[in-house]
Amino acid sequence: MRNILILILISGIWSCKPEKIQVQNFATFTSQQVTGVTVSDKGRVFANFPRWREGVKHSVIEVSEKGTSTAYPDQEWNNWKMGKTVSDSVFVAIQSVVAFENILYVLDTRNPLFKGVIDSPRVFAFDLSSGQLIKTYMLSKESFHKDSYINDLRVDKKNGKIYFTDSGHAGIVVVDIKSGKSFRVLDNHPSTLADTDHLTFNNGVWKNTVHSDGIALDTQNDMLYFHALTGYNLYALSTKKLITENNKEIEESVKLIAKTSAPDGMIIDSSGNLFFADLENKKIMKLDISSGKISVVVEGEKIKWADTFSIYKDELYFTNSRINEAKGDISEMEFSINKIKIN
C-alpha cells in the first residue's frame, strides 16, 4: 500500500503542468497609441503617447488602479500642438518614461511625426513627490543627428550616468547625471545598426528600418544590453568601458550575446533575467543571462507588439502599441497596458 501511494505521488508530480500565465488588462486607450509605461517604487503607473501622428491628447499621463488617467505633471505641459512655439516647458514628442527611485524621467525626442529633430532632444526630470521639474538634460549637438530618434533610457546610479539608444540614426548616447554633459558612441556601429529593413507578421510585411532601440541595464554585473528593433542580435557592453569615452576601447568591448527574436523594449529583473518581445510571433520571451537559455513567458492574441516593459512586485507591465497594425486611421483602434505575474 505504501509503495502504491508513493507511485501515485510521483505520478502526480511528473504529470503536473505549469500554471498558464494570465494576461491582465490594466488600462485601455482608444485612438491613442501608447508606447511607454513605467511603475515607480511606490506603485504609481505612468505612460506616454508618441507624436507619430496628429491627434495626441496627452503626451504623458498617470494611470490609476481603476484605469483612469490624468495628464502629468499637468495639462499645460501636455498642450503643445504641431506648429506651436517650442519651449522648455512643454512636451513635444515623448517616446518613453522611466521612473527611477523618486524621479520620473521623460524623454522628448523633439522629432514629431518623424520629420526630423526640431530642437535638441532632452530629458525632463520630475520629482515624484511634488510633481515639480527638477532638471532638464539637453543633448549636445555632438550627441545627436538631424534624423536621430532618441528612443529609450536607463539610469545608472552607480556610475552617475543615463544611457540612451538612438533608433533613427544608430548609436548610443551617454549623459552625466551631475554635469549634464553628453557624448555619443557606437555611431553607425554594426552592433547598433539594424539587421534588416522589415519584419513579417500574419497581416503582412512591416517595412521599416529601426536601429538601436531596446536597452536594459544589469547593475549587478555592470553590463548594458541593447538591440536593434529590426534585428535579431542582442549585444552587451561593459558600463566601465562605456563611461571612459574611449571609442576604440568601447567598440572592441562590444559582445554579441545571443541570436534572438526581433524585440522592442527590454528589461532585466532582480534575478538576472532579460525580458523582451518576439514581435513577429506575439510572444514575450525571457533570457536567463547566466545560462543563456531562452524561453517563452507568454504568447497569444493579448500580445500585440509588446513595446515597453516595467517590473513592480513580481509583475511585468507592458504596452501593446500595435505598431504593425496602426496604419492610417486609428480612431477605432484600442491600445493597452497589460501585466503578467513573472514569479
Protein backbone atom coordinates (compact mmCIF):
# COMPACT_ATOMS: atom_id res chain seq x y z
CA MET A 1 0.00 0.00 0.00
CA ARG A 2 2.83 2.37 0.91
CA ASN A 3 4.53 1.70 -2.44
CA ILE A 4 1.30 2.38 -4.30
CA LEU A 5 0.91 5.73 -2.52
CA ILE A 6 4.48 6.68 -3.39
CA LEU A 7 3.87 5.81 -7.04
CA ILE A 8 0.69 7.92 -7.07
CA LEU A 9 2.54 10.88 -5.56
CA ILE A 10 5.41 10.59 -8.02
CA SER A 11 3.00 10.24 -10.92
CA GLY A 12 1.16 13.34 -9.75
CA ILE A 13 4.37 15.36 -9.56
CA TRP A 14 5.50 14.41 -13.05
CA SER A 15 2.11 14.96 -14.61
CA CYS A 16 1.67 18.39 -13.05
CA LYS A 17 1.73 21.09 -15.74
CA PRO A 18 2.98 24.63 -15.05
CA GLU A 19 0.19 27.12 -14.46
CA LYS A 20 -0.70 29.09 -17.56
CA ILE A 21 0.23 32.75 -17.19
CA GLN A 22 -2.77 35.05 -17.31
CA VAL A 23 -2.55 38.39 -19.08
CA GLN A 24 -4.42 41.07 -17.11
CA ASN A 25 -5.57 44.31 -18.66
CA PHE A 26 -4.54 47.37 -16.64
CA ALA A 27 -5.72 50.20 -18.92
CA THR A 28 -7.08 50.65 -22.44
CA PHE A 29 -6.88 53.68 -24.72
CA THR A 30 -8.99 54.19 -27.83
CA SER A 31 -7.33 56.10 -30.70
CA GLN A 32 -4.29 56.90 -28.52
CA GLN A 33 -1.22 54.79 -29.35
CA VAL A 34 0.66 54.13 -26.13
CA THR A 35 4.33 53.14 -26.27
CA GLY A 36 5.94 53.69 -22.86
CA VAL A 37 4.96 52.51 -19.41
CA THR A 38 6.79 52.71 -16.09
CA VAL A 39 5.91 51.88 -12.50
CA SER A 40 7.51 53.78 -9.62
CA ASP A 41 8.85 52.27 -6.41
CA LYS A 42 5.52 53.16 -4.78
CA GLY A 43 3.41 51.56 -7.49
CA ARG A 44 2.43 54.69 -9.41
CA VAL A 45 1.94 53.95 -13.11
CA PHE A 46 2.89 56.39 -15.86
CA ALA A 47 2.55 56.08 -19.63
CA ASN A 48 3.31 58.09 -22.72
CA PHE A 49 1.97 58.58 -26.23
CA PRO A 50 4.43 59.47 -29.03
CA ARG A 51 3.63 62.21 -31.54
CA TRP A 52 3.70 59.94 -34.56
CA ARG A 53 0.52 61.49 -35.94
CA GLU A 54 -1.88 64.33 -35.25
CA GLY A 55 -4.47 63.97 -32.51
CA VAL A 56 -2.31 63.14 -29.48
CA LYS A 57 -4.44 64.18 -26.48
CA HIS A 58 -1.71 63.87 -23.84
CA SER A 59 1.98 63.08 -24.13
CA VAL A 60 2.38 61.83 -20.54
CA ILE A 61 -0.25 60.51 -18.14
CA GLU A 62 -0.53 58.90 -14.74
CA VAL A 63 -2.84 55.89 -14.69
CA SER A 64 -4.82 54.87 -11.60
CA GLU A 65 -5.57 51.29 -10.50
CA LYS A 66 -9.05 51.77 -11.97
CA GLY A 67 -7.56 52.52 -15.38
CA THR A 68 -8.45 56.21 -15.38
CA SER A 69 -5.77 58.67 -16.43
CA THR A 70 -4.74 62.27 -15.81
CA ALA A 71 -2.23 64.47 -17.61
CA TYR A 72 1.18 64.52 -15.93
CA PRO A 73 2.51 66.70 -14.41
CA ASP A 74 -0.39 68.90 -15.55
CA GLN A 75 -2.41 69.86 -18.59
CA GLU A 76 -0.19 72.78 -19.52
CA TRP A 77 2.84 70.57 -20.12
CA ASN A 78 0.68 68.47 -22.47
CA ASN A 79 -0.86 71.28 -24.52
CA TRP A 80 1.71 71.51 -27.33
CA LYS A 81 0.43 71.05 -30.89
CA MET A 82 2.20 70.92 -34.25
CA GLY A 83 3.14 74.42 -35.39
CA LYS A 84 3.14 75.91 -31.90
CA THR A 85 6.21 77.53 -30.34
CA VAL A 86 8.66 75.04 -28.83
CA SER A 87 9.86 75.78 -25.29
CA ASP A 88 11.48 74.12 -22.31
CA SER A 89 8.17 73.71 -20.52
CA VAL A 90 6.18 71.62 -23.00
CA PHE A 91 6.25 68.02 -24.20
CA VAL A 92 6.82 67.89 -27.96
CA ALA A 93 7.37 64.25 -28.96
CA ILE A 94 7.66 61.92 -25.99
CA GLN A 95 8.93 58.42 -26.69
CA SER A 96 9.48 56.96 -23.22
CA VAL A 97 9.05 57.50 -19.49
CA VAL A 98 11.19 55.86 -16.81
CA ALA A 99 10.62 56.08 -13.06
CA PHE A 100 13.82 55.62 -11.08
CA GLU A 101 13.73 56.00 -7.32
CA ASN A 102 11.70 59.19 -6.76
CA ILE A 103 12.24 60.76 -10.18
CA LEU A 104 10.28 60.41 -13.41
CA TYR A 105 12.49 60.80 -16.48
CA VAL A 106 10.52 61.92 -19.55
CA LEU A 107 12.36 61.51 -22.85
CA ASP A 108 11.43 64.05 -25.51
CA THR A 109 12.81 63.15 -28.96
CA ARG A 110 11.90 66.62 -30.30
CA ASN A 111 11.25 64.76 -33.55
CA PRO A 112 7.48 64.97 -34.13
CA LEU A 113 5.98 62.94 -36.99
CA PHE A 114 9.49 61.62 -37.78
CA LYS A 115 10.14 64.77 -39.82
CA GLY A 116 13.50 65.49 -38.19
CA VAL A 117 14.77 66.92 -34.93
CA ILE A 118 13.44 70.46 -34.48
CA ASP A 119 15.26 71.17 -31.21
CA SER A 120 17.82 69.40 -29.02
CA PRO A 121 16.44 66.09 -27.70
CA ARG A 122 16.12 66.24 -23.92
CA VAL A 123 15.02 64.54 -20.75
CA PHE A 124 12.78 66.24 -18.22
CA ALA A 125 13.30 65.00 -14.65
CA PHE A 126 10.32 65.42 -12.32
CA ASP A 127 10.25 64.96 -8.57
CA LEU A 128 7.50 62.40 -7.96
CA SER A 129 6.68 63.76 -4.51
CA SER A 130 5.97 67.30 -5.69
CA GLY A 131 5.42 66.88 -9.43
CA GLN A 132 7.91 69.70 -9.99
CA LEU A 133 10.55 69.77 -12.70
CA ILE A 134 13.93 69.48 -11.02
CA LYS A 135 16.29 69.21 -14.00
CA THR A 136 16.37 69.21 -17.80
CA TYR A 137 19.08 67.29 -19.62
CA MET A 138 19.66 68.62 -23.15
CA LEU A 139 21.78 66.58 -25.54
CA SER A 140 24.73 68.45 -27.01
CA LYS A 141 24.90 68.98 -30.78
CA GLU A 142 27.65 66.37 -31.00
CA SER A 143 25.38 63.76 -29.39
CA PHE A 144 22.61 63.55 -31.98
CA HIS A 145 21.88 63.90 -35.69
CA LYS A 146 19.09 65.58 -37.62
CA ASP A 147 17.48 62.17 -38.21
CA SER A 148 18.02 60.95 -34.63
CA TYR A 149 15.14 59.41 -32.73
CA ILE A 150 16.37 59.05 -29.15
CA ASN A 151 14.32 56.06 -28.12
CA ASP A 152 14.72 54.73 -24.60
CA LEU A 153 16.85 55.20 -21.50
CA ARG A 154 18.25 53.52 -18.39
CA VAL A 155 19.60 55.22 -15.27
CA ASP A 156 22.93 54.01 -13.86
CA LYS A 157 23.10 55.32 -10.30
CA LYS A 158 26.41 53.57 -9.59
CA ASN A 159 28.24 55.44 -12.35
CA GLY A 160 26.09 58.56 -12.32
CA LYS A 161 25.05 58.17 -15.96
CA ILE A 162 21.95 57.86 -18.14
CA TYR A 163 22.18 55.66 -21.24
CA PHE A 164 20.07 56.15 -24.39
CA THR A 165 19.52 54.31 -27.65
CA ASP A 166 19.09 56.17 -30.94
CA SER A 167 16.82 54.21 -33.27
CA GLY A 168 16.72 56.83 -36.02
CA HIS A 169 20.47 57.21 -36.51
CA ALA A 170 22.16 54.17 -34.97
CA GLY A 171 24.13 54.84 -31.79
CA ILE A 172 24.27 55.08 -28.01
CA VAL A 173 24.25 58.36 -26.07
CA VAL A 174 25.53 58.81 -22.52
CA VAL A 175 24.59 61.69 -20.20
CA ASP A 176 26.32 62.53 -16.93
CA ILE A 177 23.63 62.97 -14.27
CA LYS A 178 25.53 65.59 -12.29
CA SER A 179 27.01 67.80 -15.02
CA GLY A 180 24.50 67.15 -17.80
CA LYS A 181 27.35 66.60 -20.27
CA SER A 182 26.54 64.16 -23.08
CA PHE A 183 28.59 62.15 -25.55
CA ARG A 184 27.85 59.69 -28.35
CA VAL A 185 29.38 56.26 -29.02
CA LEU A 186 28.91 53.33 -31.43
CA ASP A 187 27.68 55.73 -34.11
CA ASN A 188 26.63 53.58 -37.09
CA HIS A 189 28.47 50.67 -35.50
CA PRO A 190 27.41 47.15 -36.60
CA SER A 191 26.05 46.49 -33.09
CA THR A 192 23.67 49.48 -33.20
CA LEU A 193 22.63 49.18 -36.86
CA ALA A 194 19.50 47.31 -37.94
CA ASP A 195 19.98 43.84 -39.44
CA THR A 196 17.03 44.08 -41.80
CA ASP A 197 14.57 46.57 -43.30
CA HIS A 198 11.37 44.71 -42.43
CA LEU A 199 9.56 42.39 -40.05
CA THR A 200 6.98 39.78 -41.03
CA PHE A 201 3.58 39.42 -39.36
CA ASN A 202 0.38 37.49 -40.04
CA ASN A 203 -1.13 40.64 -41.53
CA GLY A 204 1.81 41.13 -43.89
CA VAL A 205 5.27 42.67 -44.05
CA TRP A 206 6.03 45.73 -41.93
CA LYS A 207 8.58 47.66 -43.99
CA ASN A 208 10.87 49.83 -41.86
CA THR A 209 14.46 50.13 -40.71
CA VAL A 210 14.80 50.78 -36.98
CA HIS A 211 18.23 50.76 -35.39
CA SER A 212 19.30 50.51 -31.71
CA ASP A 213 16.08 50.53 -29.73
CA GLY A 214 15.71 48.15 -26.78
CA ILE A 215 18.01 48.81 -23.82
CA ALA A 216 18.47 47.10 -20.46
CA LEU A 217 20.91 47.65 -17.61
CA ASP A 218 22.36 44.85 -15.50
CA THR A 219 23.54 46.68 -12.37
CA GLN A 220 24.85 43.52 -10.70
CA ASN A 221 27.33 42.79 -13.48
CA ASP A 222 27.73 46.35 -14.82
CA MET A 223 26.57 45.50 -18.32
CA LEU A 224 24.40 47.45 -20.76
CA TYR A 225 22.35 45.38 -23.21
CA PHE A 226 20.96 46.81 -26.44
CA HIS A 227 19.20 45.59 -29.57
CA ALA A 228 18.05 46.97 -32.92
CA LEU A 229 14.29 46.75 -33.40
CA THR A 230 14.56 45.35 -36.93
CA GLY A 231 17.24 42.87 -36.00
CA TYR A 232 17.97 39.52 -34.40
CA ASN A 233 21.19 40.16 -32.49
CA LEU A 234 21.47 41.05 -28.81
CA TYR A 235 24.64 42.92 -27.82
CA ALA A 236 26.14 43.99 -24.50
CA LEU A 237 28.83 46.34 -23.32
CA SER A 238 30.63 46.87 -20.02
CA THR A 239 29.50 50.14 -18.44
CA LYS A 240 33.02 50.57 -17.08
CA LYS A 241 34.30 50.68 -20.66
CA LEU A 242 31.37 52.76 -21.86
CA ILE A 243 31.94 55.66 -19.49
CA THR A 244 35.61 56.03 -20.48
CA GLU A 245 34.55 57.81 -23.69
CA ASN A 246 37.35 55.94 -25.47
CA ASN A 247 35.67 54.98 -28.76
CA LYS A 248 38.25 52.36 -29.73
CA GLU A 249 38.02 50.57 -26.37
CA ILE A 250 34.24 50.81 -26.37
CA GLU A 251 33.90 49.29 -29.84
CA GLU A 252 36.33 46.49 -29.00
CA SER A 253 34.43 45.59 -25.83
CA VAL A 254 31.01 45.10 -27.52
CA LYS A 255 29.91 41.47 -27.29
CA LEU A 256 27.32 39.54 -29.27
CA ILE A 257 25.28 37.82 -26.53
CA ALA A 258 22.64 35.86 -28.38
CA LYS A 259 20.57 35.41 -31.51
CA THR A 260 17.02 36.37 -30.56
CA SER A 261 13.64 37.24 -31.98
CA ALA A 262 13.05 40.85 -33.06
CA PRO A 263 12.09 42.83 -29.92
CA ASP A 264 11.21 46.38 -28.98
CA GLY A 265 11.78 47.29 -25.32
CA MET A 266 13.74 45.15 -22.85
CA ILE A 267 14.18 44.92 -19.09
CA ILE A 268 16.23 42.91 -16.58
CA ASP A 269 14.71 41.66 -13.31
CA SER A 270 16.46 41.28 -9.95
CA SER A 271 17.28 37.62 -10.72
CA GLY A 272 19.22 38.43 -13.86
CA ASN A 273 16.56 37.52 -16.42
CA LEU A 274 16.23 39.65 -19.54
CA PHE A 275 12.65 40.05 -20.76
CA PHE A 276 11.99 41.02 -24.38
CA ALA A 277 9.32 40.57 -27.02
CA ASP A 278 9.09 38.36 -30.06
CA LEU A 279 7.17 40.96 -32.06
CA GLU A 280 6.56 38.83 -35.12
CA ASN A 281 5.02 35.95 -33.14
CA LYS A 282 3.03 37.73 -30.38
CA LYS A 283 5.25 36.50 -27.56
CA ILE A 284 7.16 37.73 -24.53
CA MET A 285 10.47 35.95 -24.07
CA LYS A 286 12.96 35.50 -21.23
CA LEU A 287 16.71 35.09 -21.44
CA ASP A 288 18.45 33.65 -18.39
CA ILE A 289 21.67 35.61 -18.74
CA SER A 290 23.72 33.23 -16.58
CA SER A 291 22.81 30.10 -18.57
CA GLY A 292 21.96 31.60 -21.95
CA LYS A 293 18.63 29.75 -22.02
CA ILE A 294 15.79 31.49 -23.86
CA SER A 295 12.18 30.56 -23.12
CA VAL A 296 8.65 31.75 -23.87
CA VAL A 297 6.96 33.55 -20.97
CA VAL A 298 3.56 34.16 -22.56
CA GLU A 299 2.07 34.25 -26.04
CA GLY A 300 -1.21 34.82 -27.79
CA GLU A 301 -3.67 37.41 -29.03
CA LYS A 302 -3.26 39.58 -25.93
CA ILE A 303 0.32 40.28 -27.00
CA LYS A 304 0.19 42.81 -29.83
CA TRP A 305 3.63 44.38 -30.26
CA ALA A 306 4.74 44.32 -26.63
CA ASP A 307 6.56 47.63 -26.72
CA THR A 308 7.87 48.65 -23.29
CA PHE A 309 8.32 46.76 -20.01
CA SER A 310 8.34 47.74 -16.34
CA ILE A 311 8.52 45.49 -13.27
CA TYR A 312 6.81 46.09 -9.92
CA LYS A 313 6.34 43.48 -7.16
CA ASP A 314 6.92 40.49 -9.45
CA GLU A 315 4.54 41.76 -12.09
CA LEU A 316 5.67 42.68 -15.58
CA TYR A 317 3.76 45.60 -17.07
CA PHE A 318 3.87 46.03 -20.84
CA THR A 319 2.27 48.15 -23.53
CA ASN A 320 0.56 46.84 -26.65
CA SER A 321 1.40 49.52 -29.21
CA ARG A 322 0.24 47.50 -32.25
CA ILE A 323 2.70 49.33 -34.49
CA ASN A 324 2.43 46.88 -37.39
CA GLU A 325 -1.38 47.25 -37.36
CA ALA A 326 -1.63 51.02 -36.84
CA LYS A 327 -1.84 52.18 -40.42
CA GLY A 328 -3.90 55.21 -41.41
CA ASP A 329 -6.95 55.95 -39.27
CA ILE A 330 -6.58 54.62 -35.71
CA SER A 331 -9.67 56.30 -34.25
CA GLU A 332 -11.35 52.95 -33.56
CA MET A 333 -8.25 51.04 -32.50
CA GLU A 334 -7.59 50.09 -28.89
CA PHE A 335 -4.12 50.15 -27.34
CA SER A 336 -3.43 48.85 -23.87
CA ILE A 337 -1.26 48.42 -20.82
CA ASN A 338 -1.30 44.82 -19.60
CA LYS A 339 0.52 42.92 -16.89
CA ILE A 340 1.55 39.36 -16.02
CA LYS A 341 2.97 37.57 -12.98
CA ILE A 342 6.58 36.61 -13.54
CA ASN A 343 7.37 34.84 -10.26
